[in-house]
Amino acid sequence: MKITVKVKANQKMQGFEFISETECIAKLKSLPIKGKANQELVGLLAKHYGVTKKEIQIVSGHVSNIKTVEISNLD
């Protein structure tokens, strides 16, 4: 499953705001420095979907605030 995520870094509260089944806004506490926001995003997505971090891959947008993320092994 592929989803599009718009990342808002350096927020006071973490969480997701789902626009549709495949689009969401992710509010992260981390700053986008040295991949910390990407790591936090992967961890939050893993917890939300009940999969491991290894099953989540950022396909595009590694340095952008709009990312395409692929989640494998979803039932």
N, C-alpha and C. Protein backbone atom coordinates (compact mmCIF):
# COMPACT_ATOMS: atom_id res chain seq x y z
N MET A 1 0.84 -1.17 0.00
CA MET A 1 0.00 0.00 0.00
C MET A 1 0.89 1.24 0.00
N LYS A 2 0.58 2.18 -0.87
CA LYS A 2 1.34 3.43 -0.92
C LYS A 2 0.46 4.56 -0.40
N ILE A 3 1.06 5.40 0.42
CA ILE A 3 0.35 6.57 0.91
C ILE A 3 1.19 7.82 0.69
N THR A 4 0.53 8.95 0.57
CA THR A 4 1.19 10.23 0.44
C THR A 4 1.08 10.94 1.79
N VAL A 5 2.23 11.40 2.28
CA VAL A 5 2.27 12.02 3.60
C VAL A 5 2.86 13.42 3.47
N LYS A 6 2.15 14.41 3.99
CA LYS A 6 2.70 15.76 4.10
C LYS A 6 3.19 15.89 5.53
N VAL A 7 4.47 16.19 5.68
CA VAL A 7 5.10 16.23 7.00
C VAL A 7 5.19 17.66 7.50
N LYS A 8 4.76 17.84 8.74
CA LYS A 8 4.94 19.11 9.44
C LYS A 8 5.83 18.82 10.63
N ALA A 9 7.08 19.25 10.54
CA ALA A 9 8.06 18.97 11.58
C ALA A 9 8.04 20.07 12.65
N ASN A 10 8.68 19.77 13.78
CA ASN A 10 8.83 20.71 14.89
C ASN A 10 7.48 21.16 15.45
N GLN A 11 6.58 20.20 15.64
CA GLN A 11 5.26 20.47 16.22
C GLN A 11 5.26 20.10 17.70
N LYS A 12 4.35 20.66 18.46
CA LYS A 12 4.28 20.35 19.89
C LYS A 12 3.70 18.97 20.15
N MET A 13 2.76 18.54 19.29
CA MET A 13 2.12 17.24 19.49
C MET A 13 2.29 16.38 18.24
N GLN A 14 2.51 15.07 18.46
CA GLN A 14 2.62 14.12 17.36
C GLN A 14 1.24 13.65 16.97
N GLY A 15 1.13 13.23 15.70
CA GLY A 15 -0.12 12.61 15.30
C GLY A 15 -0.35 12.66 13.81
N PHE A 16 -1.43 12.02 13.39
CA PHE A 16 -1.81 11.98 11.98
C PHE A 16 -3.17 12.61 11.81
N GLU A 17 -3.34 13.26 10.67
CA GLU A 17 -4.64 13.78 10.27
C GLU A 17 -4.90 13.20 8.89
N PHE A 18 -5.79 12.22 8.82
CA PHE A 18 -6.03 11.53 7.55
C PHE A 18 -7.04 12.30 6.72
N ILE A 19 -6.63 12.61 5.49
CA ILE A 19 -7.49 13.30 4.53
C ILE A 19 -8.32 12.27 3.78
N SER A 20 -7.66 11.18 3.39
CA SER A 20 -8.32 10.05 2.76
C SER A 20 -7.58 8.79 3.20
N GLU A 21 -7.93 7.66 2.61
CA GLU A 21 -7.27 6.41 2.99
C GLU A 21 -5.80 6.39 2.60
N THR A 22 -5.43 7.15 1.57
CA THR A 22 -4.05 7.12 1.08
C THR A 22 -3.34 8.47 1.21
N GLU A 23 -3.92 9.43 1.91
CA GLU A 23 -3.29 10.73 2.11
C GLU A 23 -3.44 11.16 3.56
N CYS A 24 -2.35 11.68 4.13
CA CYS A 24 -2.43 12.17 5.50
C CYS A 24 -1.42 13.28 5.74
N ILE A 25 -1.63 13.98 6.83
CA ILE A 25 -0.70 14.99 7.31
C ILE A 25 -0.12 14.44 8.61
N ALA A 26 1.20 14.41 8.69
CA ALA A 26 1.88 13.89 9.89
C ALA A 26 2.51 15.05 10.63
N LYS A 27 2.16 15.18 11.90
CA LYS A 27 2.75 16.20 12.76
C LYS A 27 3.82 15.52 13.61
N LEU A 28 5.06 15.98 13.45
CA LEU A 28 6.20 15.35 14.12
C LEU A 28 6.88 16.33 15.06
N LYS A 29 7.45 15.82 16.14
CA LYS A 29 8.17 16.66 17.09
C LYS A 29 9.59 16.96 16.63
N SER A 30 10.18 16.04 15.87
CA SER A 30 11.58 16.17 15.47
C SER A 30 11.79 17.27 14.43
N LEU A 31 13.00 17.78 14.42
CA LEU A 31 13.40 18.71 13.37
C LEU A 31 13.89 17.90 12.17
N PRO A 32 13.74 18.44 10.97
CA PRO A 32 14.19 17.69 9.79
C PRO A 32 15.71 17.79 9.58
N ILE A 33 16.47 17.35 10.57
CA ILE A 33 17.93 17.40 10.51
C ILE A 33 18.47 15.99 10.63
N LYS A 34 19.35 15.62 9.71
CA LYS A 34 20.01 14.31 9.69
C LYS A 34 19.02 13.15 9.70
N GLY A 35 17.86 13.33 9.06
CA GLY A 35 16.90 12.24 8.92
C GLY A 35 16.08 11.91 10.16
N LYS A 36 16.16 12.75 11.19
CA LYS A 36 15.43 12.45 12.42
C LYS A 36 13.93 12.48 12.22
N ALA A 37 13.44 13.42 11.42
CA ALA A 37 12.00 13.48 11.15
C ALA A 37 11.55 12.25 10.36
N ASN A 38 12.36 11.80 9.41
CA ASN A 38 12.03 10.60 8.65
C ASN A 38 11.96 9.38 9.57
N GLN A 39 12.91 9.26 10.49
CA GLN A 39 12.90 8.13 11.44
C GLN A 39 11.67 8.18 12.32
N GLU A 40 11.31 9.37 12.78
CA GLU A 40 10.12 9.50 13.62
C GLU A 40 8.86 9.14 12.83
N LEU A 41 8.81 9.57 11.57
CA LEU A 41 7.66 9.26 10.71
C LEU A 41 7.51 7.75 10.54
N VAL A 42 8.60 7.06 10.25
CA VAL A 42 8.56 5.61 10.06
C VAL A 42 8.08 4.92 11.34
N GLY A 43 8.58 5.37 12.49
CA GLY A 43 8.17 4.79 13.76
C GLY A 43 6.69 4.99 14.04
N LEU A 44 6.18 6.19 13.78
CA LEU A 44 4.76 6.46 14.01
C LEU A 44 3.87 5.67 13.06
N LEU A 45 4.28 5.58 11.80
CA LEU A 45 3.50 4.80 10.83
C LEU A 45 3.48 3.32 11.22
N ALA A 46 4.62 2.80 11.67
CA ALA A 46 4.69 1.40 12.08
C ALA A 46 3.73 1.14 13.24
N LYS A 47 3.71 2.04 14.20
CA LYS A 47 2.83 1.88 15.35
C LYS A 47 1.36 1.99 14.93
N HIS A 48 1.06 2.94 14.05
CA HIS A 48 -0.32 3.16 13.61
C HIS A 48 -0.87 1.96 12.83
N TYR A 49 -0.06 1.41 11.91
CA TYR A 49 -0.52 0.31 11.07
C TYR A 49 -0.23 -1.07 11.67
N GLY A 50 0.49 -1.15 12.78
CA GLY A 50 0.77 -2.42 13.42
C GLY A 50 1.74 -3.30 12.65
N VAL A 51 2.74 -2.67 12.05
CA VAL A 51 3.78 -3.40 11.32
C VAL A 51 5.14 -2.99 11.91
N THR A 52 6.20 -3.67 11.45
CA THR A 52 7.54 -3.31 11.91
C THR A 52 8.07 -2.15 11.08
N LYS A 53 9.10 -1.51 11.61
CA LYS A 53 9.72 -0.39 10.89
C LYS A 53 10.33 -0.83 9.57
N LYS A 54 10.77 -2.08 9.50
CA LYS A 54 11.39 -2.60 8.27
C LYS A 54 10.37 -2.72 7.13
N GLU A 55 9.10 -2.80 7.46
CA GLU A 55 8.06 -2.94 6.45
C GLU A 55 7.58 -1.60 5.90
N ILE A 56 8.18 -0.52 6.37
CA ILE A 56 7.82 0.82 5.90
C ILE A 56 9.03 1.42 5.21
N GLN A 57 8.81 1.90 3.99
CA GLN A 57 9.90 2.46 3.21
C GLN A 57 9.45 3.78 2.59
N ILE A 58 10.29 4.81 2.75
CA ILE A 58 10.02 6.09 2.10
C ILE A 58 10.51 5.96 0.66
N VAL A 59 9.57 5.98 -0.28
CA VAL A 59 9.90 5.75 -1.69
C VAL A 59 10.43 7.02 -2.33
N SER A 60 9.79 8.15 -2.06
CA SER A 60 10.25 9.41 -2.61
C SER A 60 9.99 10.53 -1.62
N GLY A 61 10.74 11.62 -1.76
CA GLY A 61 10.58 12.77 -0.89
C GLY A 61 11.41 12.72 0.37
N HIS A 62 12.59 12.12 0.31
CA HIS A 62 13.44 11.99 1.49
C HIS A 62 13.80 13.34 2.10
N VAL A 63 13.96 14.36 1.26
CA VAL A 63 14.33 15.69 1.76
C VAL A 63 13.21 16.70 1.52
N SER A 64 12.03 16.22 1.20
CA SER A 64 10.87 17.07 0.95
C SER A 64 9.86 16.90 2.08
N ASN A 65 8.93 17.84 2.18
CA ASN A 65 7.91 17.67 3.20
C ASN A 65 6.73 16.85 2.70
N ILE A 66 6.71 16.53 1.41
CA ILE A 66 5.69 15.64 0.85
C ILE A 66 6.38 14.35 0.43
N LYS A 67 5.98 13.26 1.06
CA LYS A 67 6.65 11.98 0.86
C LYS A 67 5.67 10.91 0.36
N THR A 68 6.19 9.97 -0.40
CA THR A 68 5.44 8.78 -0.78
C THR A 68 6.03 7.64 0.03
N VAL A 69 5.17 6.97 0.78
CA VAL A 69 5.62 5.92 1.69
C VAL A 69 4.92 4.61 1.28
N GLU A 70 5.71 3.54 1.22
CA GLU A 70 5.15 2.23 0.90
C GLU A 70 5.16 1.37 2.16
N ILE A 71 4.00 0.77 2.44
CA ILE A 71 3.85 -0.10 3.60
C ILE A 71 3.55 -1.50 3.10
N SER A 72 4.42 -2.45 3.43
CA SER A 72 4.22 -3.82 2.98
C SER A 72 3.62 -4.65 4.11
N ASN A 73 3.10 -5.82 3.75
CA ASN A 73 2.52 -6.80 4.67
C ASN A 73 1.30 -6.28 5.42
N LEU A 74 0.50 -5.44 4.77
CA LEU A 74 -0.76 -5.02 5.38
C LEU A 74 -1.84 -5.99 4.96
N ASP A 75 -2.65 -6.44 5.89
CA ASP A 75 -3.73 -7.37 5.58
C ASP A 75 -5.02 -6.62 5.36
